[in-house]
Amino acid sequence: MCFYTASYTYRSVSRSRRLQIIPRKSLILQNPKVNLIFPDYLRGVIDGDGTFGRYKQRRGYTIKFAIYSASLSYAHSLFETITSLGFNVNFVTRKTQQNPIYSIQKAGSVALDFLEYIYKDSIEILRLDRKFEKYLNILELHKLYKNT
């Protein structure tokens, strides 16, 4: 059995704040303004606060993705930006006992197009291997299903 302890000093907390490593950052996040890096940024958002996959339905399978946030302004800004890129996505608010959770999500061909957008020209150092493999698997299964 392993035990970990964490200790914080005034100096380490001050340095963390200078580097913008702050508590409850999900409540104050903002999107970057540079569209050139946006596929990489969105991939990072999916890696950290999102999910995607291939899910069984009554008849066959569908592809879905979702991004979650506790910040209404951040989630709304992300929704507006993704929509401006031409993706028809849904904005969903889920009430919880504490704070509401906001999500941007979609299923079907739009979800596949979105995944292709964020992974198309990605380089290995800027993506998670397990999520990229998951994407490739979904893409391969989609091509097989489409050709049958």
Protein backbone atom coordinates (compact mmCIF):
# COMPACT_ATOMS: atom_id res chain seq x y z
CA MET A 1 0.00 0.00 0.00
CA CYS A 2 1.34 3.45 -0.90
CA PHE A 3 0.57 6.72 0.82
CA TYR A 4 1.23 10.14 -0.58
CA THR A 5 1.44 13.40 1.26
CA ALA A 6 1.36 16.86 -0.18
CA SER A 7 2.75 19.92 1.48
CA TYR A 8 2.32 23.47 0.33
CA THR A 9 4.32 26.49 1.25
CA TYR A 10 3.43 30.11 0.75
CA ARG A 11 6.17 30.26 -1.90
CA SER A 12 4.80 27.31 -3.90
CA VAL A 13 1.24 28.66 -3.76
CA SER A 14 2.42 32.12 -4.90
CA ARG A 15 4.40 30.59 -7.78
CA SER A 16 1.41 28.49 -8.81
CA ARG A 17 -0.79 31.57 -8.96
CA ARG A 18 1.81 33.44 -11.06
CA LEU A 19 1.76 30.52 -13.50
CA GLN A 20 -2.06 30.68 -13.51
CA ILE A 21 -2.35 27.34 -11.72
CA ILE A 22 -5.31 28.26 -9.57
CA PRO A 23 -8.10 26.48 -7.73
CA ARG A 24 -11.51 26.15 -9.39
CA LYS A 25 -10.15 27.34 -12.73
CA SER A 26 -13.05 25.67 -14.53
CA LEU A 27 -15.22 28.49 -13.26
CA ILE A 28 -13.14 31.23 -14.96
CA LEU A 29 -11.63 29.62 -18.10
CA GLN A 30 -11.67 31.44 -21.44
CA ASN A 31 -11.05 30.23 -24.99
CA PRO A 32 -7.92 31.21 -26.92
CA LYS A 33 -8.37 33.81 -29.65
CA VAL A 34 -6.10 32.14 -32.24
CA ASN A 35 -7.97 29.93 -34.72
CA LEU A 36 -4.76 28.41 -36.08
CA ILE A 37 -4.26 26.37 -32.90
CA PHE A 38 -7.93 25.64 -32.34
CA PRO A 39 -7.92 21.97 -33.43
CA ASP A 40 -5.03 21.36 -31.01
CA TYR A 41 -6.81 23.31 -28.28
CA LEU A 42 -10.06 21.37 -28.77
CA ARG A 43 -8.17 18.08 -28.70
CA GLY A 44 -6.69 19.14 -25.35
CA VAL A 45 -10.15 20.07 -24.08
CA ILE A 46 -11.48 16.64 -25.11
CA ASP A 47 -8.45 14.99 -23.46
CA GLY A 48 -9.04 16.82 -20.19
CA ASP A 49 -12.76 17.51 -19.90
CA GLY A 50 -14.42 15.49 -22.62
CA THR A 51 -15.16 12.09 -23.98
CA PHE A 52 -16.03 10.41 -27.25
CA GLY A 53 -16.87 6.92 -28.35
CA ARG A 54 -18.95 4.51 -30.33
CA TYR A 55 -22.17 3.60 -28.54
CA LYS A 56 -24.75 0.88 -29.19
CA GLN A 57 -28.26 1.90 -30.18
CA ARG A 58 -31.37 -0.10 -30.98
CA ARG A 59 -30.27 -0.40 -34.60
CA GLY A 60 -26.51 -0.37 -34.90
CA TYR A 61 -24.08 2.10 -33.37
CA THR A 62 -23.57 5.83 -33.20
CA ILE A 63 -20.56 8.03 -32.57
CA LYS A 64 -20.86 10.63 -29.81
CA PHE A 65 -18.68 13.28 -28.23
CA ALA A 66 -19.18 15.55 -25.24
CA ILE A 67 -17.20 18.31 -23.52
CA TYR A 68 -18.05 19.24 -19.92
CA SER A 69 -17.49 22.40 -17.89
CA ALA A 70 -18.66 23.99 -14.64
CA SER A 71 -18.28 27.47 -16.14
CA LEU A 72 -21.29 28.77 -18.07
CA SER A 73 -19.30 31.53 -19.77
CA TYR A 74 -16.52 29.15 -20.84
CA ALA A 75 -18.95 26.47 -22.06
CA HIS A 76 -21.02 29.04 -23.93
CA SER A 77 -17.91 30.56 -25.52
CA LEU A 78 -16.71 27.10 -26.55
CA PHE A 79 -20.17 26.29 -27.94
CA GLU A 80 -20.22 29.53 -29.97
CA THR A 81 -16.73 28.87 -31.35
CA ILE A 82 -17.47 25.26 -32.31
CA THR A 83 -20.74 26.37 -33.92
CA SER A 84 -18.89 29.09 -35.86
CA LEU A 85 -16.63 26.36 -37.26
CA GLY A 86 -19.74 24.84 -38.88
CA PHE A 87 -20.53 22.08 -36.38
CA ASN A 88 -24.19 21.85 -35.38
CA VAL A 89 -23.74 20.84 -31.72
CA ASN A 90 -26.02 20.84 -28.68
CA PHE A 91 -25.59 22.85 -25.49
CA VAL A 92 -26.94 20.98 -22.46
CA THR A 93 -27.29 22.10 -18.84
CA ARG A 94 -27.48 19.41 -16.18
CA LYS A 95 -28.50 20.49 -12.70
CA THR A 96 -26.61 18.98 -9.77
CA GLN A 97 -26.87 19.47 -6.02
CA GLN A 98 -23.94 21.90 -6.09
CA ASN A 99 -23.18 23.65 -9.38
CA PRO A 100 -24.75 22.98 -12.77
CA ILE A 101 -22.66 21.11 -15.34
CA TYR A 102 -22.67 22.40 -18.92
CA SER A 103 -21.87 20.27 -21.92
CA ILE A 104 -21.37 20.62 -25.63
CA GLN A 105 -22.29 17.37 -27.33
CA LYS A 106 -23.36 15.70 -30.53
CA ALA A 107 -23.89 12.26 -32.02
CA GLY A 108 -23.80 10.87 -35.53
CA SER A 109 -22.02 12.25 -38.57
CA VAL A 110 -21.42 15.66 -36.97
CA ALA A 111 -19.55 13.94 -34.12
CA LEU A 112 -17.41 12.03 -36.62
CA ASP A 113 -16.71 15.23 -38.58
CA PHE A 114 -15.73 16.99 -35.35
CA LEU A 115 -13.30 14.18 -34.41
CA GLU A 116 -11.79 14.31 -37.89
CA TYR A 117 -11.35 18.08 -37.50
CA ILE A 118 -9.42 17.79 -34.24
CA TYR A 119 -7.32 14.76 -35.23
CA LYS A 120 -6.77 15.24 -39.00
CA ASP A 121 -3.40 17.01 -38.98
CA SER A 122 -2.42 16.30 -35.38
CA ILE A 123 1.14 15.41 -34.48
CA GLU A 124 2.06 12.72 -32.01
CA ILE A 125 3.53 15.00 -29.37
CA LEU A 126 0.29 17.03 -29.17
CA ARG A 127 -2.18 14.20 -28.62
CA LEU A 128 -2.91 11.39 -26.19
CA ASP A 129 -2.06 8.04 -27.73
CA ARG A 130 -5.00 6.21 -26.15
CA LYS A 131 -7.53 8.75 -27.43
CA PHE A 132 -5.94 8.85 -30.88
CA GLU A 133 -6.08 5.03 -31.05
CA LYS A 134 -9.72 5.20 -29.98
CA TYR A 135 -10.39 7.70 -32.78
CA LEU A 136 -8.62 5.49 -35.37
CA ASN A 137 -10.64 2.48 -34.20
CA ILE A 138 -13.90 4.42 -34.52
CA LEU A 139 -12.88 5.63 -37.98
CA GLU A 140 -12.01 2.10 -39.14
CA LEU A 141 -15.25 0.63 -37.77
CA HIS A 142 -17.23 3.43 -39.39
CA LYS A 143 -15.62 2.73 -42.77
CA LEU A 144 -16.34 -1.01 -42.43
CA TYR A 145 -19.95 -0.40 -41.41
CA LYS A 146 -20.43 2.15 -44.20
CA ASN A 147 -19.16 -0.32 -46.84
CA THR A 148 -21.49 -3.17 -45.80
